[in-house]
C-alpha atoms as a PDB file:
ATOM      1  CA  MET A   1       0.000   0.000   0.000  1.00  0.00           C
ATOM      2  CA  GLY A   2       1.041   3.574  -0.354  1.00  0.00           C
ATOM      3  CA  CYS A   3       0.253   7.122  -1.314  1.00  0.00           C
ATOM      4  CA  HIS A   4       1.159   9.048  -4.415  1.00  0.00           C
ATOM      5  CA  LYS A   5       0.937  12.805  -4.981  1.00  0.00           C
ATOM      6  CA  ASN A   6      -0.692  12.429  -8.444  1.00  0.00           C
ATOM      7  CA  ILE A   7      -3.346   9.925  -7.399  1.00  0.00           C
ATOM      8  CA  SER A   8      -6.426  10.573  -5.262  1.00  0.00           C
ATOM      9  CA  GLU A   9     -10.192  10.222  -5.460  1.00  0.00           C
ATOM     10  CA  THR A  10     -10.328  13.141  -7.900  1.00  0.00           C
ATOM     11  CA  LYS A  11      -6.836  13.223  -9.450  1.00  0.00           C
ATOM     12  CA  PHE A  12      -4.996  10.815 -11.743  1.00  0.00           C
ATOM     13  CA  PRO A  13      -1.784  11.031 -13.812  1.00  0.00           C
ATOM     14  CA  ARG A  14      -2.173  12.451 -17.328  1.00  0.00           C
ATOM     15  CA  GLN A  15      -2.587   9.623 -19.860  1.00  0.00           C
ATOM     16  CA  GLY A  16      -0.619   9.205 -23.061  1.00  0.00           C
ATOM     17  CA  GLU A  17      -1.405   8.408 -26.667  1.00  0.00           C
ATOM     18  CA  TYR A  18      -1.245   4.624 -26.145  1.00  0.00           C
ATOM     19  CA  LEU A  19      -4.265   4.607 -23.818  1.00  0.00           C
ATOM     20  CA  LEU A  20      -6.832   2.098 -25.181  1.00  0.00           C
ATOM     21  CA  ARG A  21      -4.468   1.006 -27.975  1.00  0.00           C
ATOM     22  CA  ARG A  22      -4.353  -2.665 -28.904  1.00  0.00           C
ATOM     23  CA  VAL A  23      -0.944  -4.261 -28.387  1.00  0.00           C
ATOM     24  CA  ARG A  24       0.783  -7.561 -29.146  1.00  0.00           C
ATOM     25  CA  VAL A  25       2.445  -8.840 -25.962  1.00  0.00           C
ATOM     26  CA  SER A  26       5.422 -11.144 -25.505  1.00  0.00           C
ATOM     27  CA  PHE A  27       7.554 -12.310 -22.597  1.00  0.00           C
ATOM     28  CA  HIS A  28      11.324 -12.914 -22.372  1.00  0.00           C
ATOM     29  CA  TYR A  29      11.730 -11.530 -25.919  1.00  0.00           C
ATOM     30  CA  GLU A  30      10.028 -14.622 -27.365  1.00  0.00           C
ATOM     31  CA  PRO A  31       7.451 -14.022 -30.114  1.00  0.00           C
ATOM     32  CA  GLY A  32       3.976 -14.467 -28.734  1.00  0.00           C
ATOM     33  CA  GLU A  33       0.378 -14.466 -29.849  1.00  0.00           C
ATOM     34  CA  LEU A  34      -1.058 -12.692 -26.797  1.00  0.00           C
ATOM     35  CA  MET A  35      -3.058  -9.565 -27.456  1.00  0.00           C
ATOM     36  CA  GLY A  36      -4.225  -6.911 -25.036  1.00  0.00           C
ATOM     37  CA  THR A  37      -5.366  -3.331 -24.550  1.00  0.00           C
ATOM     38  CA  ILE A  38      -3.483  -0.611 -22.711  1.00  0.00           C
ATOM     39  CA  VAL A  39      -5.778   0.553 -19.920  1.00  0.00           C
ATOM     40  CA  ARG A  40      -3.338   2.937 -18.238  1.00  0.00           C
ATOM     41  CA  ASP A  41      -0.500   4.921 -19.837  1.00  0.00           C
ATOM     42  CA  ASP A  42       0.904   7.490 -17.400  1.00  0.00           C
ATOM     43  CA  VAL A  43       2.947  10.245 -19.035  1.00  0.00           C
ATOM     44  CA  GLU A  44       3.821  11.802 -15.706  1.00  0.00           C
ATOM     45  CA  ASP A  45       4.751  10.505 -12.283  1.00  0.00           C
ATOM     46  CA  SER A  46       4.094   7.479 -11.413  1.00  0.00           C
ATOM     47  CA  TRP A  47       4.893   6.405 -14.985  1.00  0.00           C
ATOM     48  CA  LYS A  48       2.833   3.174 -15.013  1.00  0.00           C
ATOM     49  CA  THR A  49       1.625   1.298 -18.063  1.00  0.00           C
ATOM     50  CA  ILE A  50      -0.983  -1.399 -17.455  1.00  0.00           C
ATOM     51  CA  ILE A  51      -2.179  -3.832 -20.110  1.00  0.00           C
ATOM     52  CA  GLN A  52      -5.325  -5.939 -19.912  1.00  0.00           C
ATOM     53  CA  LEU A  53      -4.703  -9.156 -21.797  1.00  0.00           C
ATOM     54  CA  ASP A  54      -7.564 -10.592 -23.829  1.00  0.00           C
ATOM     55  CA  ASP A  55      -7.776 -13.506 -21.378  1.00  0.00           C
ATOM     56  CA  GLY A  56      -8.630 -11.056 -18.557  1.00  0.00           C
ATOM     57  CA  ARG A  57      -5.255 -10.887 -16.801  1.00  0.00           C
ATOM     58  CA  TYR A  58      -3.540  -7.559 -16.127  1.00  0.00           C
ATOM     59  CA  ILE A  59       0.201  -6.997 -16.449  1.00  0.00           C
ATOM     60  CA  LEU A  60       2.518  -4.035 -16.084  1.00  0.00           C
ATOM     61  CA  GLY A  61       4.317  -2.733 -19.139  1.00  0.00           C
ATOM     62  CA  ALA A  62       7.586  -3.328 -17.253  1.00  0.00           C
ATOM     63  CA  GLU A  63       6.805  -7.072 -16.981  1.00  0.00           C
ATOM     64  CA  CYS A  64       6.658  -7.772 -20.718  1.00  0.00           C
ATOM     65  CA  GLN A  65       7.433  -6.467 -24.176  1.00  0.00           C
ATOM     66  CA  TYR A  66       4.593  -4.944 -26.175  1.00  0.00           C
ATOM     67  CA  MET A  67       4.062  -3.402 -29.563  1.00  0.00           C
ATOM     68  CA  PRO A  68       1.048  -1.367 -30.666  1.00  0.00           C
ATOM     69  CA  THR A  69      -0.983  -2.782 -33.532  1.00  0.00           C
ATOM     70  CA  LEU A  70      -2.565  -0.776 -36.329  1.00  0.00           C
ATOM     71  CA  ASP A  71      -5.916  -1.031 -34.520  1.00  0.00           C
ATOM     72  CA  LEU A  72      -6.094   2.348 -32.758  1.00  0.00           C
ATOM     73  CA  ARG A  73      -9.088   1.926 -30.426  1.00  0.00           C
ATOM     74  CA  GLY A  74      -9.270  -1.754 -29.609  1.00  0.00           C
ATOM     75  CA  ASP A  75     -12.069  -2.458 -32.111  1.00  0.00           C
ATOM     76  CA  GLN A  76     -12.104  -6.107 -33.091  1.00  0.00           C
ATOM     77  CA  GLY A  77     -13.479  -5.483 -36.578  1.00  0.00           C
ATOM     78  CA  ASP A  78     -16.394  -7.876 -36.029  1.00  0.00           C
END
Protein backbone atom coordinates (compact mmCIF):
# COMPACT_ATOMS: atom_id res chain seq x y z
CA MET A 1 0.00 0.00 0.00
CA GLY A 2 1.04 3.57 -0.35
CA CYS A 3 0.25 7.12 -1.31
CA HIS A 4 1.16 9.05 -4.41
CA LYS A 5 0.94 12.81 -4.98
CA ASN A 6 -0.69 12.43 -8.44
CA ILE A 7 -3.35 9.93 -7.40
CA SER A 8 -6.43 10.57 -5.26
CA GLU A 9 -10.19 10.22 -5.46
CA THR A 10 -10.33 13.14 -7.90
CA LYS A 11 -6.84 13.22 -9.45
CA PHE A 12 -5.00 10.81 -11.74
CA PRO A 13 -1.78 11.03 -13.81
CA ARG A 14 -2.17 12.45 -17.33
CA GLN A 15 -2.59 9.62 -19.86
CA GLY A 16 -0.62 9.21 -23.06
CA GLU A 17 -1.40 8.41 -26.67
CA TYR A 18 -1.24 4.62 -26.14
CA LEU A 19 -4.26 4.61 -23.82
CA LEU A 20 -6.83 2.10 -25.18
CA ARG A 21 -4.47 1.01 -27.97
CA ARG A 22 -4.35 -2.66 -28.90
CA VAL A 23 -0.94 -4.26 -28.39
CA ARG A 24 0.78 -7.56 -29.15
CA VAL A 25 2.45 -8.84 -25.96
CA SER A 26 5.42 -11.14 -25.51
CA PHE A 27 7.55 -12.31 -22.60
CA HIS A 28 11.32 -12.91 -22.37
CA TYR A 29 11.73 -11.53 -25.92
CA GLU A 30 10.03 -14.62 -27.37
CA PRO A 31 7.45 -14.02 -30.11
CA GLY A 32 3.98 -14.47 -28.73
CA GLU A 33 0.38 -14.47 -29.85
CA LEU A 34 -1.06 -12.69 -26.80
CA MET A 35 -3.06 -9.57 -27.46
CA GLY A 36 -4.22 -6.91 -25.04
CA THR A 37 -5.37 -3.33 -24.55
CA ILE A 38 -3.48 -0.61 -22.71
CA VAL A 39 -5.78 0.55 -19.92
CA ARG A 40 -3.34 2.94 -18.24
CA ASP A 41 -0.50 4.92 -19.84
CA ASP A 42 0.90 7.49 -17.40
CA VAL A 43 2.95 10.24 -19.04
CA GLU A 44 3.82 11.80 -15.71
CA ASP A 45 4.75 10.50 -12.28
CA SER A 46 4.09 7.48 -11.41
CA TRP A 47 4.89 6.40 -14.98
CA LYS A 48 2.83 3.17 -15.01
CA THR A 49 1.62 1.30 -18.06
CA ILE A 50 -0.98 -1.40 -17.46
CA ILE A 51 -2.18 -3.83 -20.11
CA GLN A 52 -5.33 -5.94 -19.91
CA LEU A 53 -4.70 -9.16 -21.80
CA ASP A 54 -7.56 -10.59 -23.83
CA ASP A 55 -7.78 -13.51 -21.38
CA GLY A 56 -8.63 -11.06 -18.56
CA ARG A 57 -5.26 -10.89 -16.80
CA TYR A 58 -3.54 -7.56 -16.13
CA ILE A 59 0.20 -7.00 -16.45
CA LEU A 60 2.52 -4.04 -16.08
CA GLY A 61 4.32 -2.73 -19.14
CA ALA A 62 7.59 -3.33 -17.25
CA GLU A 63 6.81 -7.07 -16.98
CA CYS A 64 6.66 -7.77 -20.72
CA GLN A 65 7.43 -6.47 -24.18
CA TYR A 66 4.59 -4.94 -26.17
CA MET A 67 4.06 -3.40 -29.56
CA PRO A 68 1.05 -1.37 -30.67
CA THR A 69 -0.98 -2.78 -33.53
CA LEU A 70 -2.57 -0.78 -36.33
CA ASP A 71 -5.92 -1.03 -34.52
CA LEU A 72 -6.09 2.35 -32.76
CA ARG A 73 -9.09 1.93 -30.43
CA GLY A 74 -9.27 -1.75 -29.61
CA ASP A 75 -12.07 -2.46 -32.11
CA GLN A 76 -12.10 -6.11 -33.09
CA GLY A 77 -13.48 -5.48 -36.58
CA ASP A 78 -16.39 -7.88 -36.03
